[in-house]
Every structure is written in structure tokens, then in C-alpha cells.
Amino acid sequence: MKEPISDHIIRSAGTLFYREGIRAVGIDRIIEEANVAKATLYRHFPSKDHLVAAYLHERHERVVRSLHEVLNTMERPRNQIKLIFERLHEKADSPEFRGCAFALAVAEHGDSDRVVAVAQTHKKAVGDIFRAIVSKADIKTNQIAAHLSLLYEGALATVAVARDPKAVLIARDCALLAFDAAVSSTQLLKA
């Protein structure tokens, strides 16, 4: 089955946006890369802002789907946390990895309410996944989910700047320590 043209444009533009930066990639470059007419691009995306938001929305769906796969693969909350960070490490270990696409987009295109809204939706969804893990573990503090989210986000930022994927493994270890401490604290409260 042939890929819909709008998906093809998003995929082509998204690759360029992530690799080279949103501001560095012009519409003519996207048209060339996607091998479409200018009228075709604008029929599907009335502006570059719309295209950037569509790219981020597609990436959001892909990342959230991947995180939900972890939840469905592992039953124990601790193993879910461990696997989330290990999968992030696998991605961060690629030479093409530039960090969080949403943070990069807001840094470059933060004057766009559309782009900021997609990025905020994504960050909330990641936080919700960590809240679901913590809830499943029956931990009595909401702070641990915020800690896990910040460790995840911090790992993304650190890898982007330091270019060292080991930062994700350090964040994983910190996340597991924080999770174990929260579980122990909850068990003491129940005793």
C-alpha cells in the first residue's frame, strides 16, 4: 500500500528538521526531498508552521506508542522504568541522535503556539506514563513520577549537549534508586 502523500511529506520534512534544524530547512528543500510540487505541499500544509506541528504530532504518537509497548511488554513497574531508559539509551547511542525533538523545536520555533502546544502535550503524556507506572506500584507519593519524568528529560538534554549516551544509563540508575526508595517508604508507611 502506498504511503499517503501527507505522511510522505511529514516523514521527509521530519528527517530534515531533526537532522538539520527547523530554521535551517526551507520549504524548497522539503519540496526537493519529498519530491512533490509546491502546490501539493501547500495543499496539505498551509504553512511551514503547520508542517512542523504535524511532524511533531507524528513523532509524539510514535514515542508514546513505543512507551506504551514497554508497559505492555513488562508487567512489573520497576522493569518498565528500566526498559524505558534502556530503549532511550539504544536511540541515544545512534550518531544521528540530537536529543529531544520537542525541546529542539521549541528552542527554534518557540514563537509558534501550535508547536509549543504539541511539545507541551508530549511532555504531559510522558509524565502521565510515569504516573501510571507509579500508580501501578501503589506508591503513596506523586513526587516520584515527577522525579522519573525529570530524569528522563534530563537524560535527553544531557545526551544532546554532551554527546554521551551513557548519561541515559546514569539517569536509569538514579530512576531505579528513586523508585526503590519510594517503594520502601510506602511499605514502611503500611507497616
N, C-alpha and C. Protein backbone atom coordinates (compact mmCIF):
# COMPACT_ATOMS: atom_id res chain seq x y z
N MET A 1 0.85 -1.18 0.00
CA MET A 1 0.00 0.00 0.00
C MET A 1 0.89 1.24 0.00
N LYS A 2 0.56 2.15 -0.85
CA LYS A 2 1.35 3.37 -0.99
C LYS A 2 1.08 4.33 0.18
N GLU A 3 2.15 4.94 0.64
CA GLU A 3 2.07 5.90 1.74
C GLU A 3 1.29 7.14 1.29
N PRO A 4 0.34 7.62 2.10
CA PRO A 4 -0.36 8.87 1.75
C PRO A 4 0.66 10.01 1.58
N ILE A 5 0.37 10.90 0.65
CA ILE A 5 1.31 11.98 0.33
C ILE A 5 1.60 12.87 1.54
N SER A 6 0.59 13.12 2.37
CA SER A 6 0.83 13.96 3.56
C SER A 6 1.80 13.27 4.51
N ASP A 7 1.68 11.97 4.67
CA ASP A 7 2.62 11.23 5.53
C ASP A 7 4.03 11.26 4.94
N HIS A 8 4.11 11.14 3.63
CA HIS A 8 5.41 11.18 2.95
C HIS A 8 6.07 12.55 3.16
N ILE A 9 5.30 13.61 3.05
CA ILE A 9 5.84 14.96 3.25
C ILE A 9 6.30 15.12 4.70
N ILE A 10 5.48 14.67 5.64
CA ILE A 10 5.85 14.77 7.07
C ILE A 10 7.13 14.00 7.34
N ARG A 11 7.21 12.79 6.81
CA ARG A 11 8.41 11.97 7.04
C ARG A 11 9.64 12.63 6.44
N SER A 12 9.54 13.12 5.23
CA SER A 12 10.67 13.78 4.57
C SER A 12 11.09 15.04 5.33
N ALA A 13 10.12 15.88 5.66
CA ALA A 13 10.41 17.12 6.39
C ALA A 13 10.94 16.81 7.79
N GLY A 14 10.34 15.83 8.45
CA GLY A 14 10.76 15.48 9.80
C GLY A 14 12.20 15.04 9.87
N THR A 15 12.61 14.25 8.91
CA THR A 15 14.02 13.82 8.86
C THR A 15 14.94 15.03 8.75
N LEU A 16 14.58 15.95 7.88
CA LEU A 16 15.40 17.16 7.72
C LEU A 16 15.35 18.04 8.97
N PHE A 17 14.15 18.25 9.52
CA PHE A 17 14.02 19.10 10.70
C PHE A 17 14.86 18.57 11.85
N TYR A 18 14.79 17.26 12.08
CA TYR A 18 15.52 16.69 13.21
C TYR A 18 17.03 16.72 12.97
N ARG A 19 17.44 16.40 11.77
CA ARG A 19 18.87 16.31 11.46
C ARG A 19 19.53 17.68 11.35
N GLU A 20 18.84 18.64 10.72
CA GLU A 20 19.48 19.92 10.40
C GLU A 20 18.92 21.12 11.15
N GLY A 21 17.74 20.99 11.72
CA GLY A 21 17.11 22.09 12.42
C GLY A 21 15.97 22.68 11.61
N ILE A 22 14.96 23.15 12.30
CA ILE A 22 13.76 23.66 11.64
C ILE A 22 14.05 24.93 10.84
N ARG A 23 14.75 25.86 11.44
CA ARG A 23 15.03 27.13 10.76
C ARG A 23 15.97 26.94 9.58
N ALA A 24 16.85 25.95 9.66
CA ALA A 24 17.84 25.73 8.59
C ALA A 24 17.22 25.10 7.34
N VAL A 25 16.04 24.51 7.49
CA VAL A 25 15.42 23.80 6.38
C VAL A 25 14.28 24.64 5.81
N GLY A 26 14.44 25.04 4.58
CA GLY A 26 13.41 25.83 3.92
C GLY A 26 12.40 24.97 3.17
N ILE A 27 11.33 25.59 2.77
CA ILE A 27 10.26 24.89 2.05
C ILE A 27 10.78 24.27 0.75
N ASP A 28 11.63 25.01 0.04
CA ASP A 28 12.16 24.47 -1.23
C ASP A 28 12.95 23.18 -1.00
N ARG A 29 13.67 23.13 0.08
CA ARG A 29 14.44 21.91 0.41
C ARG A 29 13.50 20.75 0.72
N ILE A 30 12.42 21.04 1.43
CA ILE A 30 11.44 19.99 1.75
C ILE A 30 10.78 19.47 0.48
N ILE A 31 10.42 20.39 -0.41
CA ILE A 31 9.80 20.02 -1.68
C ILE A 31 10.75 19.11 -2.48
N GLU A 32 12.01 19.49 -2.50
CA GLU A 32 13.01 18.69 -3.22
C GLU A 32 13.16 17.30 -2.59
N GLU A 33 13.29 17.26 -1.27
CA GLU A 33 13.48 15.99 -0.56
C GLU A 33 12.26 15.08 -0.70
N ALA A 34 11.07 15.66 -0.60
CA ALA A 34 9.84 14.87 -0.69
C ALA A 34 9.46 14.58 -2.15
N ASN A 35 10.10 15.30 -3.08
CA ASN A 35 9.82 15.14 -4.50
C ASN A 35 8.33 15.38 -4.79
N VAL A 36 7.84 16.54 -4.32
CA VAL A 36 6.46 16.94 -4.55
C VAL A 36 6.44 18.37 -5.10
N ALA A 37 5.34 18.73 -5.69
CA ALA A 37 5.18 20.10 -6.18
C ALA A 37 4.87 21.02 -5.01
N LYS A 38 5.23 22.28 -5.16
CA LYS A 38 4.96 23.28 -4.11
C LYS A 38 3.46 23.34 -3.81
N ALA A 39 2.64 23.28 -4.84
CA ALA A 39 1.18 23.32 -4.65
C ALA A 39 0.70 22.11 -3.83
N THR A 40 1.31 20.97 -4.04
CA THR A 40 0.95 19.76 -3.29
C THR A 40 1.28 19.94 -1.82
N LEU A 41 2.48 20.45 -1.54
CA LEU A 41 2.86 20.67 -0.15
C LEU A 41 1.89 21.63 0.52
N TYR A 42 1.61 22.75 -0.13
CA TYR A 42 0.73 23.75 0.48
C TYR A 42 -0.73 23.32 0.54
N ARG A 43 -1.13 22.40 -0.31
CA ARG A 43 -2.49 21.86 -0.23
C ARG A 43 -2.66 21.06 1.06
N HIS A 44 -1.59 20.37 1.46
CA HIS A 44 -1.65 19.56 2.68
C HIS A 44 -1.26 20.35 3.93
N PHE A 45 -0.35 21.31 3.78
CA PHE A 45 0.16 22.09 4.92
C PHE A 45 0.21 23.55 4.50
N PRO A 46 -0.73 24.36 4.99
CA PRO A 46 -0.82 25.75 4.53
C PRO A 46 0.39 26.62 4.89
N SER A 47 1.21 26.16 5.83
CA SER A 47 2.41 26.93 6.20
C SER A 47 3.46 25.98 6.77
N LYS A 48 4.66 26.48 6.87
CA LYS A 48 5.73 25.69 7.49
C LYS A 48 5.38 25.38 8.94
N ASP A 49 4.74 26.32 9.61
CA ASP A 49 4.31 26.13 10.99
C ASP A 49 3.39 24.91 11.11
N HIS A 50 2.45 24.79 10.19
CA HIS A 50 1.56 23.63 10.18
C HIS A 50 2.34 22.33 9.96
N LEU A 51 3.32 22.38 9.07
CA LEU A 51 4.14 21.20 8.79
C LEU A 51 4.99 20.81 10.00
N VAL A 52 5.57 21.78 10.66
CA VAL A 52 6.37 21.49 11.86
C VAL A 52 5.48 20.86 12.93
N ALA A 53 4.30 21.41 13.14
CA ALA A 53 3.38 20.85 14.14
C ALA A 53 2.96 19.43 13.76
N ALA A 54 2.73 19.18 12.47
CA ALA A 54 2.35 17.83 12.03
C ALA A 54 3.50 16.85 12.25
N TYR A 55 4.72 17.30 11.95
CA TYR A 55 5.91 16.46 12.21
C TYR A 55 6.01 16.11 13.69
N LEU A 56 5.84 17.11 14.55
CA LEU A 56 5.93 16.86 15.99
C LEU A 56 4.78 15.95 16.46
N HIS A 57 3.60 16.16 15.92
CA HIS A 57 2.47 15.32 16.31
C HIS A 57 2.73 13.85 15.93
N GLU A 58 3.25 13.64 14.72
CA GLU A 58 3.57 12.27 14.29
C GLU A 58 4.64 11.67 15.20
N ARG A 59 5.64 12.45 15.53
CA ARG A 59 6.72 11.96 16.40
C ARG A 59 6.18 11.66 17.80
N HIS A 60 5.29 12.53 18.28
CA HIS A 60 4.65 12.32 19.59
C HIS A 60 3.93 10.97 19.61
N GLU A 61 3.14 10.71 18.59
CA GLU A 61 2.40 9.45 18.53
C GLU A 61 3.35 8.25 18.52
N ARG A 62 4.43 8.37 17.77
CA ARG A 62 5.41 7.27 17.68
C ARG A 62 6.08 7.03 19.03
N VAL A 63 6.51 8.09 19.71
CA VAL A 63 7.19 7.94 21.00
C VAL A 63 6.24 7.39 22.05
N VAL A 64 5.04 7.92 22.11
CA VAL A 64 4.07 7.45 23.11
C VAL A 64 3.70 5.99 22.85
N ARG A 65 3.54 5.64 21.58
CA ARG A 65 3.25 4.23 21.22
C ARG A 65 4.39 3.33 21.70
N SER A 66 5.62 3.77 21.52
CA SER A 66 6.79 2.99 21.95
C SER A 66 6.81 2.83 23.48
N LEU A 67 6.48 3.90 24.18
CA LEU A 67 6.44 3.83 25.65
C LEU A 67 5.32 2.90 26.13
N HIS A 68 4.18 2.94 25.46
CA HIS A 68 3.09 2.04 25.82
C HIS A 68 3.45 0.58 25.53
N GLU A 69 4.25 0.35 24.49
CA GLU A 69 4.73 -1.01 24.21
C GLU A 69 5.54 -1.54 25.39
N VAL A 70 6.33 -0.67 26.01
CA VAL A 70 7.09 -1.07 27.19
C VAL A 70 6.13 -1.49 28.30
N LEU A 71 5.09 -0.69 28.52
CA LEU A 71 4.12 -1.01 29.57
C LEU A 71 3.45 -2.35 29.30
N ASN A 72 3.22 -2.65 28.04
CA ASN A 72 2.58 -3.91 27.68
C ASN A 72 3.55 -5.09 27.66
N THR A 73 4.86 -4.81 27.53
CA THR A 73 5.87 -5.85 27.47
C THR A 73 6.26 -6.32 28.86
N MET A 74 6.39 -5.39 29.76
CA MET A 74 6.83 -5.68 31.14
C MET A 74 5.67 -5.49 32.10
N GLU A 75 5.56 -6.39 33.04
CA GLU A 75 4.46 -6.28 33.99
C GLU A 75 4.85 -5.48 35.23
N ARG A 76 6.04 -5.72 35.73
CA ARG A 76 6.46 -5.06 36.98
C ARG A 76 6.88 -3.62 36.72
N PRO A 77 6.38 -2.69 37.53
CA PRO A 77 6.71 -1.27 37.33
C PRO A 77 8.22 -0.99 37.30
N ARG A 78 8.99 -1.62 38.15
CA ARG A 78 10.44 -1.38 38.16
C ARG A 78 11.07 -1.78 36.82
N ASN A 79 10.63 -2.91 36.28
CA ASN A 79 11.14 -3.36 34.98
C ASN A 79 10.70 -2.43 33.85
N GLN A 80 9.51 -1.85 33.98
CA GLN A 80 9.04 -0.89 32.98
C GLN A 80 9.94 0.34 32.95
N ILE A 81 10.27 0.85 34.13
CA ILE A 81 11.15 2.02 34.22
C ILE A 81 12.51 1.68 33.61
N LYS A 82 13.04 0.54 34.00
CA LYS A 82 14.36 0.13 33.49
C LYS A 82 14.35 0.04 31.96
N LEU A 83 13.33 -0.59 31.40
CA LEU A 83 13.26 -0.77 29.95
C LEU A 83 13.06 0.56 29.21
N ILE A 84 12.28 1.47 29.78
CA ILE A 84 12.09 2.79 29.15
C ILE A 84 13.45 3.47 28.97
N PHE A 85 14.25 3.47 30.02
CA PHE A 85 15.55 4.13 29.93
C PHE A 85 16.51 3.35 29.03
N GLU A 86 16.43 2.04 29.03
CA GLU A 86 17.32 1.26 28.17
C GLU A 86 16.99 1.45 26.69
N ARG A 87 15.71 1.57 26.38
CA ARG A 87 15.34 1.84 24.99
C ARG A 87 15.78 3.24 24.58
N LEU A 88 15.68 4.19 25.50
CA LEU A 88 16.17 5.53 25.22
C LEU A 88 17.68 5.50 24.97
N HIS A 89 18.38 4.70 25.75
CA HIS A 89 19.83 4.57 25.57
C HIS A 89 20.16 4.03 24.18
N GLU A 90 19.41 3.04 23.72
CA GLU A 90 19.63 2.48 22.38
C GLU A 90 19.50 3.58 21.32
N LYS A 91 18.47 4.43 21.45
CA LYS A 91 18.28 5.52 20.50
C LYS A 91 19.41 6.54 20.62
N ALA A 92 19.78 6.86 21.85
CA ALA A 92 20.81 7.88 22.10
C ALA A 92 22.18 7.44 21.62
N ASP A 93 22.36 6.15 21.47
CA ASP A 93 23.65 5.60 21.05
C ASP A 93 23.87 5.72 19.53
N SER A 94 22.88 6.26 18.84
CA SER A 94 22.98 6.44 17.38
C SER A 94 23.66 7.78 17.08
N PRO A 95 24.53 7.81 16.07
CA PRO A 95 25.20 9.07 15.72
C PRO A 95 24.22 10.16 15.26
N GLU A 96 23.04 9.77 14.79
CA GLU A 96 22.03 10.73 14.33
C GLU A 96 21.24 11.37 15.48
N PHE A 97 21.39 10.83 16.69
CA PHE A 97 20.59 11.30 17.82
C PHE A 97 21.00 12.72 18.21
N ARG A 98 20.03 13.63 18.27
CA ARG A 98 20.29 15.03 18.62
C ARG A 98 19.59 15.45 19.90
N GLY A 99 18.91 14.52 20.58
CA GLY A 99 18.18 14.87 21.78
C GLY A 99 16.69 14.89 21.51
N CYS A 100 15.99 15.58 22.36
CA CYS A 100 14.53 15.63 22.31
C CYS A 100 14.07 16.53 21.17
N ALA A 101 13.33 15.96 20.23
CA ALA A 101 12.83 16.71 19.08
C ALA A 101 11.91 17.85 19.52
N PHE A 102 11.20 17.65 20.62
CA PHE A 102 10.25 18.66 21.09
C PHE A 102 10.98 19.84 21.72
N ALA A 103 12.01 19.55 22.50
CA ALA A 103 12.82 20.64 23.08
C ALA A 103 13.54 21.40 21.98
N LEU A 104 14.06 20.68 21.00
CA LEU A 104 14.74 21.32 19.88
C LEU A 104 13.77 22.23 19.12
N ALA A 105 12.56 21.74 18.88
CA ALA A 105 11.57 22.52 18.14
C ALA A 105 11.17 23.79 18.89
N VAL A 106 10.96 23.66 20.19
CA VAL A 106 10.58 24.84 20.98
C VAL A 106 11.74 25.83 21.04
N ALA A 107 12.95 25.32 21.15
CA ALA A 107 14.12 26.22 21.17
C ALA A 107 14.22 27.02 19.87
N GLU A 108 13.87 26.39 18.76
CA GLU A 108 13.98 27.05 17.46
C GLU A 108 12.72 27.76 17.02
N HIS A 109 11.59 27.24 17.41
CA HIS A 109 10.31 27.69 16.87
C HIS A 109 9.32 27.99 18.00
N GLY A 110 9.84 28.44 19.14
CA GLY A 110 9.02 28.66 20.33
C GLY A 110 8.04 29.81 20.22
N ASP A 111 8.13 30.59 19.15
CA ASP A 111 7.17 31.67 18.95
C ASP A 111 5.86 31.15 18.34
N SER A 112 5.83 29.87 18.01
CA SER A 112 4.64 29.25 17.43
C SER A 112 3.81 28.58 18.52
N ASP A 113 2.61 29.11 18.74
CA ASP A 113 1.71 28.49 19.73
C ASP A 113 1.40 27.05 19.35
N ARG A 114 1.29 26.79 18.06
CA ARG A 114 0.97 25.45 17.57
C ARG A 114 2.08 24.46 17.96
N VAL A 115 3.33 24.85 17.74
CA VAL A 115 4.48 23.99 18.05
C VAL A 115 4.61 23.80 19.56
N VAL A 116 4.48 24.86 20.31
CA VAL A 116 4.58 24.78 21.77
C VAL A 116 3.48 23.87 22.33
N ALA A 117 2.28 23.97 21.79
CA ALA A 117 1.17 23.14 22.28
C ALA A 117 1.45 21.65 22.06
N VAL A 118 1.99 21.30 20.89
CA VAL A 118 2.30 19.88 20.64
C VAL A 118 3.39 19.42 21.59
N ALA A 119 4.41 20.24 21.80
CA ALA A 119 5.50 19.88 22.72
C ALA A 119 4.98 19.71 24.15
N GLN A 120 4.11 20.61 24.58
CA GLN A 120 3.55 20.50 25.94
C GLN A 120 2.69 19.25 26.08
N THR A 121 1.92 18.95 25.07
CA THR A 121 1.10 17.73 25.07
C THR A 121 2.00 16.50 25.21
N HIS A 122 3.10 16.52 24.48
CA HIS A 122 4.02 15.38 24.53
C HIS A 122 4.62 15.22 25.93
N LYS A 123 5.10 16.31 26.49
CA LYS A 123 5.73 16.23 27.82
C LYS A 123 4.72 15.76 28.87
N LYS A 124 3.49 16.22 28.76
CA LYS A 124 2.45 15.77 29.69
C LYS A 124 2.19 14.27 29.52
N ALA A 125 2.15 13.80 28.28
CA ALA A 125 1.90 12.38 28.01
C ALA A 125 3.01 11.51 28.60
N VAL A 126 4.26 11.94 28.47
CA VAL A 126 5.38 11.19 29.06
C VAL A 126 5.23 11.17 30.58
N GLY A 127 4.91 12.31 31.16
CA GLY A 127 4.68 12.36 32.60
C GLY A 127 3.53 11.46 33.02
N ASP A 128 2.47 11.41 32.23
CA ASP A 128 1.33 10.54 32.53
C ASP A 128 1.73 9.06 32.52
N ILE A 129 2.65 8.70 31.63
CA ILE A 129 3.12 7.32 31.59
C ILE A 129 3.87 6.98 32.88
N PHE A 130 4.72 7.87 33.32
CA PHE A 130 5.42 7.63 34.58
C PHE A 130 4.43 7.62 35.76
N ARG A 131 3.41 8.48 35.72
CA ARG A 131 2.40 8.46 36.78
C ARG A 131 1.64 7.14 36.79
N ALA A 132 1.37 6.58 35.62
CA ALA A 132 0.68 5.29 35.54
C ALA A 132 1.55 4.18 36.12
N ILE A 133 2.84 4.23 35.86
CA ILE A 133 3.76 3.23 36.41
C ILE A 133 3.78 3.31 37.93
N VAL A 134 3.89 4.53 38.45
CA VAL A 134 3.94 4.74 39.90
C VAL A 134 2.62 4.31 40.54
N SER A 135 1.52 4.62 39.89
CA SER A 135 0.21 4.24 40.41
C SER A 135 0.07 2.72 40.49
N LYS A 136 0.56 2.05 39.46
CA LYS A 136 0.51 0.57 39.44
C LYS A 136 1.33 -0.02 40.58
N ALA A 137 2.40 0.68 40.95
CA ALA A 137 3.26 0.21 42.04
C ALA A 137 2.67 0.53 43.40
N ASP A 138 1.54 1.26 43.41
CA ASP A 138 0.85 1.63 44.65
C ASP A 138 1.74 2.46 45.58
N ILE A 139 2.54 3.33 44.99
CA ILE A 139 3.39 4.23 45.77
C ILE A 139 2.54 5.42 46.21
N LYS A 140 2.70 5.83 47.43
CA LYS A 140 1.82 6.83 48.01
C LYS A 140 2.29 8.27 47.83
N THR A 141 3.25 8.51 46.99
CA THR A 141 3.68 9.88 46.74
C THR A 141 3.65 10.17 45.25
N ASN A 142 3.14 11.32 44.89
CA ASN A 142 3.11 11.71 43.48
C ASN A 142 4.45 12.26 43.03
N GLN A 143 5.32 12.62 43.95
CA GLN A 143 6.60 13.22 43.61
C GLN A 143 7.49 12.28 42.80
N ILE A 144 7.40 10.99 43.05
CA ILE A 144 8.30 10.06 42.37
C ILE A 144 8.06 10.08 40.85
N ALA A 145 6.83 10.22 40.42
CA ALA A 145 6.56 10.29 38.98
C ALA A 145 7.21 11.54 38.38
N ALA A 146 7.16 12.65 39.09
CA ALA A 146 7.81 13.88 38.62
C ALA A 146 9.32 13.69 38.57
N HIS A 147 9.87 12.99 39.55
CA HIS A 147 11.31 12.72 39.57
C HIS A 147 11.71 11.88 38.36
N LEU A 148 10.93 10.84 38.09
CA LEU A 148 11.23 9.96 36.96
C LEU A 148 11.16 10.72 35.63
N SER A 149 10.14 11.56 35.49
CA SER A 149 9.99 12.37 34.27
C SER A 149 11.18 13.31 34.09
N LEU A 150 11.59 13.95 35.19
CA LEU A 150 12.73 14.86 35.09
C LEU A 150 14.03 14.13 34.77
N LEU A 151 14.19 12.95 35.30
CA LEU A 151 15.38 12.16 34.96
C LEU A 151 15.38 11.79 33.48
N TYR A 152 14.23 11.44 32.96
CA TYR A 152 14.09 11.11 31.54
C TYR A 152 14.41 12.33 30.67
N GLU A 153 13.81 13.46 31.01
CA GLU A 153 14.05 14.70 30.26
C GLU A 153 15.50 15.16 30.40
N GLY A 154 16.04 15.03 31.61
CA GLY A 154 17.43 15.42 31.83
C GLY A 154 18.40 14.56 31.04
N ALA A 155 18.08 13.28 30.92
CA ALA A 155 18.93 12.39 30.13
C ALA A 155 18.93 12.82 28.66
N LEU A 156 17.75 13.16 28.15
CA LEU A 156 17.65 13.62 26.76
C LEU A 156 18.50 14.88 26.55
N ALA A 157 18.39 15.82 27.47
CA ALA A 157 19.12 17.08 27.34
C ALA A 157 20.62 16.86 27.48
N THR A 158 21.02 16.02 28.41
CA THR A 158 22.44 15.78 28.64
C THR A 158 23.09 15.10 27.44
N VAL A 159 22.41 14.13 26.87
CA VAL A 159 22.95 13.46 25.68
C VAL A 159 23.07 14.46 24.53
N ALA A 160 22.09 15.33 24.38
CA ALA A 160 22.12 16.30 23.29
C ALA A 160 23.33 17.23 23.41
N VAL A 161 23.66 17.61 24.63
CA VAL A 161 24.77 18.56 24.84
C VAL A 161 26.11 17.84 24.92
N ALA A 162 26.18 16.80 25.74
CA ALA A 162 27.46 16.12 26.00
C ALA A 162 27.80 15.08 24.93
N ARG A 163 26.81 14.67 24.16
CA ARG A 163 27.01 13.63 23.14
C ARG A 163 27.51 12.32 23.74
N ASP A 164 27.05 12.04 24.96
CA ASP A 164 27.45 10.82 25.64
C ASP A 164 26.20 10.05 26.06
N PRO A 165 25.85 8.96 25.35
CA PRO A 165 24.65 8.21 25.66
C PRO A 165 24.67 7.54 27.03
N LYS A 166 25.85 7.45 27.65
CA LYS A 166 25.93 6.86 28.99
C LYS A 166 25.11 7.67 30.01
N ALA A 167 24.84 8.92 29.70
CA ALA A 167 24.01 9.74 30.59
C ALA A 167 22.64 9.10 30.82
N VAL A 168 22.13 8.41 29.81
CA VAL A 168 20.83 7.75 29.95
C VAL A 168 20.92 6.60 30.94
N LEU A 169 22.03 5.88 30.93
CA LEU A 169 22.21 4.78 31.89
C LEU A 169 22.36 5.31 33.31
N ILE A 170 23.01 6.44 33.45
CA ILE A 170 23.13 7.07 34.78
C ILE A 170 21.74 7.51 35.25
N ALA A 171 20.96 8.11 34.34
CA ALA A 171 19.59 8.51 34.69
C ALA A 171 18.75 7.29 35.05
N ARG A 172 18.94 6.19 34.32
CA ARG A 172 18.22 4.95 34.63
C ARG A 172 18.52 4.49 36.05
N ASP A 173 19.81 4.49 36.40
CA ASP A 173 20.20 4.05 37.74
C ASP A 173 19.61 4.96 38.81
N CYS A 174 19.61 6.26 38.56
CA CYS A 174 19.01 7.22 39.51
C CYS A 174 17.50 6.98 39.62
N ALA A 175 16.86 6.73 38.49
CA ALA A 175 15.42 6.48 38.48
C ALA A 175 15.08 5.23 39.28
N LEU A 176 15.88 4.19 39.11
CA LEU A 176 15.61 2.95 39.85
C LEU A 176 15.86 3.13 41.35
N LEU A 177 16.89 3.90 41.69
CA LEU A 177 17.14 4.18 43.11
C LEU A 177 15.97 4.97 43.71
N ALA A 178 15.51 5.98 43.01
CA ALA A 178 14.39 6.79 43.49
C ALA A 178 13.13 5.93 43.61
N PHE A 179 12.89 5.09 42.61
CA PHE A 179 11.72 4.22 42.65
C PHE A 179 11.80 3.25 43.82
N ASP A 180 12.96 2.60 44.00
CA ASP A 180 13.13 1.65 45.11
C ASP A 180 12.93 2.35 46.46
N ALA A 181 13.44 3.56 46.59
CA ALA A 181 13.27 4.31 47.85
C ALA A 181 11.80 4.63 48.09
N ALA A 182 11.08 4.99 47.04
CA ALA A 182 9.66 5.29 47.19
C ALA A 182 8.87 4.03 47.56
N VAL A 183 9.24 2.89 46.97
CA VAL A 183 8.57 1.63 47.31
C VAL A 183 8.84 1.28 48.77
N SER A 184 10.08 1.41 49.21
CA SER A 184 10.44 1.12 50.61
C SER A 184 9.70 2.04 51.56
N SER A 185 9.64 3.31 51.22
CA SER A 185 8.94 4.29 52.07
C SER A 185 7.45 3.95 52.18
N THR A 186 6.85 3.55 51.06
CA THR A 186 5.42 3.19 51.07
C THR A 186 5.21 1.94 51.92
N GLN A 187 6.12 0.97 51.82
CA GLN A 187 5.99 -0.25 52.62
C GLN A 187 6.12 0.05 54.10
N LEU A 188 6.99 0.97 54.47
CA LEU A 188 7.14 1.36 55.88
C LEU A 188 5.88 2.04 56.39
N LEU A 189 5.24 2.85 55.56
CA LEU A 189 4.01 3.52 55.96
C LEU A 189 2.88 2.53 56.17
N LYS A 190 2.88 1.44 55.41
CA LYS A 190 1.83 0.42 55.52
C LYS A 190 2.03 -0.46 56.75
N ALA A 191 3.30 -0.56 57.20
CA ALA A 191 3.61 -1.47 58.31
C ALA A 191 3.12 -0.94 59.64
